[in-house]
Amino acid sequence: QVQLTESGGGLVQAGGSLRLSCAASARTFRWYGMGWFRQAPGKKREFVAAISWSGGTTYYADSVKGRFTISRDNAKNTVYLQMNSLKPEDTAVYYCAAPRGGSAVPMSENEYGYWGQGTQVTVSS
């Protein structure tokens, strides 16, 4: 069982930055791939970024590539999402997630079995 807790959301002006954190409870966290997703009002939840257990492989949605960076600190059981050059269209609830497959690094939310409660990010224009 993996429990995930996000933090770091808030209100920021367009062009600004935020860093989201996701703390995991599982001792086996270091062996899990991890992902970030987001859901804007009235829209489906969408993939944002994912990272392998070692941090050596990362994937990004085209909409955030070059602006967002996913990273992890296995010693702290924490994964991060650094968000720069934020745009109003980045406004959403952001969720971190761990896949059912443990070490897998999927981009489909259907393959993720553990989710945090979400943290709100609001970007004003």
C-alpha atoms as a PDB file:
ATOM      1  CA  GLN A   1       0.000   0.000   0.000  1.00  0.00           C
ATOM      2  CA  VAL A   2       1.262   3.449  -0.929  1.00  0.00           C
ATOM      3  CA  GLN A   3      -0.077   6.652   0.585  1.00  0.00           C
ATOM      4  CA  LEU A   4       0.709   9.884  -1.233  1.00  0.00           C
ATOM      5  CA  THR A   5       0.436  13.456   0.010  1.00  0.00           C
ATOM      6  CA  GLU A   6       0.900  16.459  -2.280  1.00  0.00           C
ATOM      7  CA  SER A   7       1.855  19.970  -1.206  1.00  0.00           C
ATOM      8  CA  GLY A   8       3.113  23.199  -2.720  1.00  0.00           C
ATOM      9  CA  GLY A   9       0.119  24.358  -4.706  1.00  0.00           C
ATOM     10  CA  GLY A  10      -1.135  27.928  -4.618  1.00  0.00           C
ATOM     11  CA  LEU A  11      -1.897  31.083  -6.555  1.00  0.00           C
ATOM     12  CA  VAL A  12       0.759  32.500  -8.865  1.00  0.00           C
ATOM     13  CA  GLN A  13       0.853  35.048 -11.669  1.00  0.00           C
ATOM     14  CA  ALA A  14       1.466  34.006 -15.242  1.00  0.00           C
ATOM     15  CA  GLY A  15       5.171  33.567 -15.854  1.00  0.00           C
ATOM     16  CA  GLY A  16       5.802  32.572 -12.268  1.00  0.00           C
ATOM     17  CA  SER A  17       6.986  29.297 -10.744  1.00  0.00           C
ATOM     18  CA  LEU A  18       5.838  26.734  -8.217  1.00  0.00           C
ATOM     19  CA  ARG A  19       7.312  23.499  -6.939  1.00  0.00           C
ATOM     20  CA  LEU A  20       4.975  20.695  -6.002  1.00  0.00           C
ATOM     21  CA  SER A  21       6.039  17.924  -3.650  1.00  0.00           C
ATOM     22  CA  CYS A  22       4.603  14.471  -3.162  1.00  0.00           C
ATOM     23  CA  ALA A  23       5.559  12.529  -0.059  1.00  0.00           C
ATOM     24  CA  ALA A  24       5.096   8.756  -0.157  1.00  0.00           C
ATOM     25  CA  SER A  25       4.598   6.466   2.817  1.00  0.00           C
ATOM     26  CA  ALA A  26       5.840   3.189   1.383  1.00  0.00           C
ATOM     27  CA  ARG A  27       9.268   1.859   2.255  1.00  0.00           C
ATOM     28  CA  THR A  28       9.354   0.461  -1.278  1.00  0.00           C
ATOM     29  CA  PHE A  29       8.902   3.935  -2.786  1.00  0.00           C
ATOM     30  CA  ARG A  30      12.365   3.863  -4.256  1.00  0.00           C
ATOM     31  CA  TRP A  31      11.314   1.045  -6.583  1.00  0.00           C
ATOM     32  CA  TYR A  32       8.200   2.807  -7.910  1.00  0.00           C
ATOM     33  CA  GLY A  33       7.870   4.833 -11.027  1.00  0.00           C
ATOM     34  CA  MET A  34       5.861   7.986 -10.223  1.00  0.00           C
ATOM     35  CA  GLY A  35       3.607  10.274 -12.179  1.00  0.00           C
ATOM     36  CA  TRP A  36       1.950  13.674 -12.018  1.00  0.00           C
ATOM     37  CA  PHE A  37      -1.483  14.327 -13.488  1.00  0.00           C
ATOM     38  CA  ARG A  38      -3.786  17.327 -13.475  1.00  0.00           C
ATOM     39  CA  GLN A  39      -7.471  18.025 -13.856  1.00  0.00           C
ATOM     40  CA  ALA A  40      -8.867  21.401 -14.836  1.00  0.00           C
ATOM     41  CA  PRO A  41     -12.518  22.318 -14.149  1.00  0.00           C
ATOM     42  CA  GLY A  42     -14.823  20.593 -16.613  1.00  0.00           C
ATOM     43  CA  LYS A  43     -11.997  18.593 -18.184  1.00  0.00           C
ATOM     44  CA  LYS A  44     -10.695  15.060 -17.944  1.00  0.00           C
ATOM     45  CA  ARG A  45      -7.647  14.300 -15.867  1.00  0.00           C
ATOM     46  CA  GLU A  46      -4.522  14.405 -18.029  1.00  0.00           C
ATOM     47  CA  PHE A  47      -0.962  13.175 -17.838  1.00  0.00           C
ATOM     48  CA  VAL A  48       1.694  15.759 -16.988  1.00  0.00           C
ATOM     49  CA  ALA A  49       4.954  13.944 -16.260  1.00  0.00           C
ATOM     50  CA  ALA A  50       6.399  10.629 -15.085  1.00  0.00           C
ATOM     51  CA  ILE A  51       9.732   9.440 -13.744  1.00  0.00           C
ATOM     52  CA  SER A  52      11.377   6.042 -13.362  1.00  0.00           C
ATOM     53  CA  TRP A  53      12.424   4.633  -9.997  1.00  0.00           C
ATOM     54  CA  SER A  54      16.026   5.700 -10.534  1.00  0.00           C
ATOM     55  CA  GLY A  55      15.151   9.100 -11.936  1.00  0.00           C
ATOM     56  CA  GLY A  56      17.019   8.246 -15.099  1.00  0.00           C
ATOM     57  CA  THR A  57      13.974   8.242 -17.358  1.00  0.00           C
ATOM     58  CA  THR A  58      11.376  10.980 -17.557  1.00  0.00           C
ATOM     59  CA  TYR A  59       8.358  11.656 -19.745  1.00  0.00           C
ATOM     60  CA  TYR A  60       6.410  14.869 -20.247  1.00  0.00           C
ATOM     61  CA  ALA A  61       3.205  15.943 -21.895  1.00  0.00           C
ATOM     62  CA  ASP A  62       3.889  18.160 -24.901  1.00  0.00           C
ATOM     63  CA  SER A  63       2.036  21.018 -23.216  1.00  0.00           C
ATOM     64  CA  VAL A  64       4.563  21.225 -20.358  1.00  0.00           C
ATOM     65  CA  LYS A  65       7.771  20.095 -22.048  1.00  0.00           C
ATOM     66  CA  GLY A  66      10.550  22.623 -21.499  1.00  0.00           C
ATOM     67  CA  ARG A  67       8.681  24.327 -18.634  1.00  0.00           C
ATOM     68  CA  PHE A  68       8.119  21.570 -16.058  1.00  0.00           C
ATOM     69  CA  THR A  69      10.698  19.235 -14.519  1.00  0.00           C
ATOM     70  CA  ILE A  70       9.939  16.069 -12.581  1.00  0.00           C
ATOM     71  CA  SER A  71      12.517  14.783 -10.122  1.00  0.00           C
ATOM     72  CA  ARG A  72      12.735  12.589  -7.044  1.00  0.00           C
ATOM     73  CA  ASP A  73      14.685  12.112  -3.853  1.00  0.00           C
ATOM     74  CA  ASN A  74      14.440   8.470  -2.833  1.00  0.00           C
ATOM     75  CA  ALA A  75      16.134   9.142   0.492  1.00  0.00           C
ATOM     76  CA  LYS A  76      13.207  11.422   1.358  1.00  0.00           C
ATOM     77  CA  ASN A  77      10.504   9.313  -0.316  1.00  0.00           C
ATOM     78  CA  THR A  78       9.505  12.403  -2.268  1.00  0.00           C
ATOM     79  CA  VAL A  79       8.858  13.278  -5.893  1.00  0.00           C
ATOM     80  CA  TYR A  80       8.793  16.866  -7.128  1.00  0.00           C
ATOM     81  CA  LEU A  81       7.309  18.824  -9.991  1.00  0.00           C
ATOM     82  CA  GLN A  82       9.084  22.104 -10.691  1.00  0.00           C
ATOM     83  CA  MET A  83       6.798  24.311 -12.763  1.00  0.00           C
ATOM     84  CA  ASN A  84       8.252  27.373 -14.493  1.00  0.00           C
ATOM     85  CA  SER A  85       6.799  29.882 -16.954  1.00  0.00           C
ATOM     86  CA  LEU A  86       3.335  29.051 -15.723  1.00  0.00           C
ATOM     87  CA  LYS A  87       0.348  29.883 -17.903  1.00  0.00           C
ATOM     88  CA  PRO A  88      -3.314  30.372 -17.006  1.00  0.00           C
ATOM     89  CA  GLU A  89      -4.074  27.114 -18.826  1.00  0.00           C
ATOM     90  CA  ASP A  90      -1.922  25.291 -16.258  1.00  0.00           C
ATOM     91  CA  THR A  91      -4.616  26.015 -13.665  1.00  0.00           C
ATOM     92  CA  ALA A  92      -5.818  22.667 -12.306  1.00  0.00           C
ATOM     93  CA  VAL A  93      -5.761  20.296  -9.381  1.00  0.00           C
ATOM     94  CA  TYR A  94      -2.462  18.412  -9.561  1.00  0.00           C
ATOM     95  CA  TYR A  95      -2.223  14.799  -8.423  1.00  0.00           C
ATOM     96  CA  CYS A  96       0.751  12.553  -7.891  1.00  0.00           C
ATOM     97  CA  ALA A  97       0.300   8.859  -8.473  1.00  0.00           C
ATOM     98  CA  ALA A  98       2.104   5.533  -8.218  1.00  0.00           C
ATOM     99  CA  PRO A  99       1.497   2.731 -10.721  1.00  0.00           C
ATOM    100  CA  ARG A 100       0.050  -0.649  -9.866  1.00  0.00           C
ATOM    101  CA  GLY A 101       3.025  -2.153 -11.618  1.00  0.00           C
ATOM    102  CA  GLY A 102       5.540  -0.662  -9.199  1.00  0.00           C
ATOM    103  CA  SER A 103       8.574  -0.028 -11.337  1.00  0.00           C
ATOM    104  CA  ALA A 104       6.554   0.762 -14.469  1.00  0.00           C
ATOM    105  CA  VAL A 105       6.540   4.336 -15.822  1.00  0.00           C
ATOM    106  CA  PRO A 106       3.190   4.604 -17.569  1.00  0.00           C
ATOM    107  CA  MET A 107       1.543   7.677 -19.028  1.00  0.00           C
ATOM    108  CA  SER A 108      -1.986   6.284 -18.848  1.00  0.00           C
ATOM    109  CA  GLU A 109      -3.867   7.043 -15.665  1.00  0.00           C
ATOM    110  CA  ASN A 110      -5.520   3.613 -15.916  1.00  0.00           C
ATOM    111  CA  GLU A 111      -2.215   2.023 -14.943  1.00  0.00           C
ATOM    112  CA  TYR A 112      -1.935   4.020 -11.733  1.00  0.00           C
ATOM    113  CA  GLY A 113      -3.451   2.500  -8.628  1.00  0.00           C
ATOM    114  CA  TYR A 114      -2.390   4.933  -5.899  1.00  0.00           C
ATOM    115  CA  TRP A 115      -3.327   8.611  -5.868  1.00  0.00           C
ATOM    116  CA  GLY A 116      -2.819  11.586  -3.614  1.00  0.00           C
ATOM    117  CA  GLN A 117      -5.616  13.936  -2.624  1.00  0.00           C
ATOM    118  CA  GLY A 118      -4.487  16.652  -5.033  1.00  0.00           C
ATOM    119  CA  THR A 119      -3.222  20.204  -4.658  1.00  0.00           C
ATOM    120  CA  GLN A 120      -4.729  23.249  -6.368  1.00  0.00           C
ATOM    121  CA  VAL A 121      -2.595  25.350  -8.702  1.00  0.00           C
ATOM    122  CA  THR A 122      -4.106  28.605  -9.931  1.00  0.00           C
ATOM    123  CA  VAL A 123      -2.317  30.804 -12.462  1.00  0.00           C
ATOM    124  CA  SER A 124      -3.700  34.303 -12.896  1.00  0.00           C
ATOM    125  CA  SER A 125      -3.267  36.279 -16.109  1.00  0.00           C
END
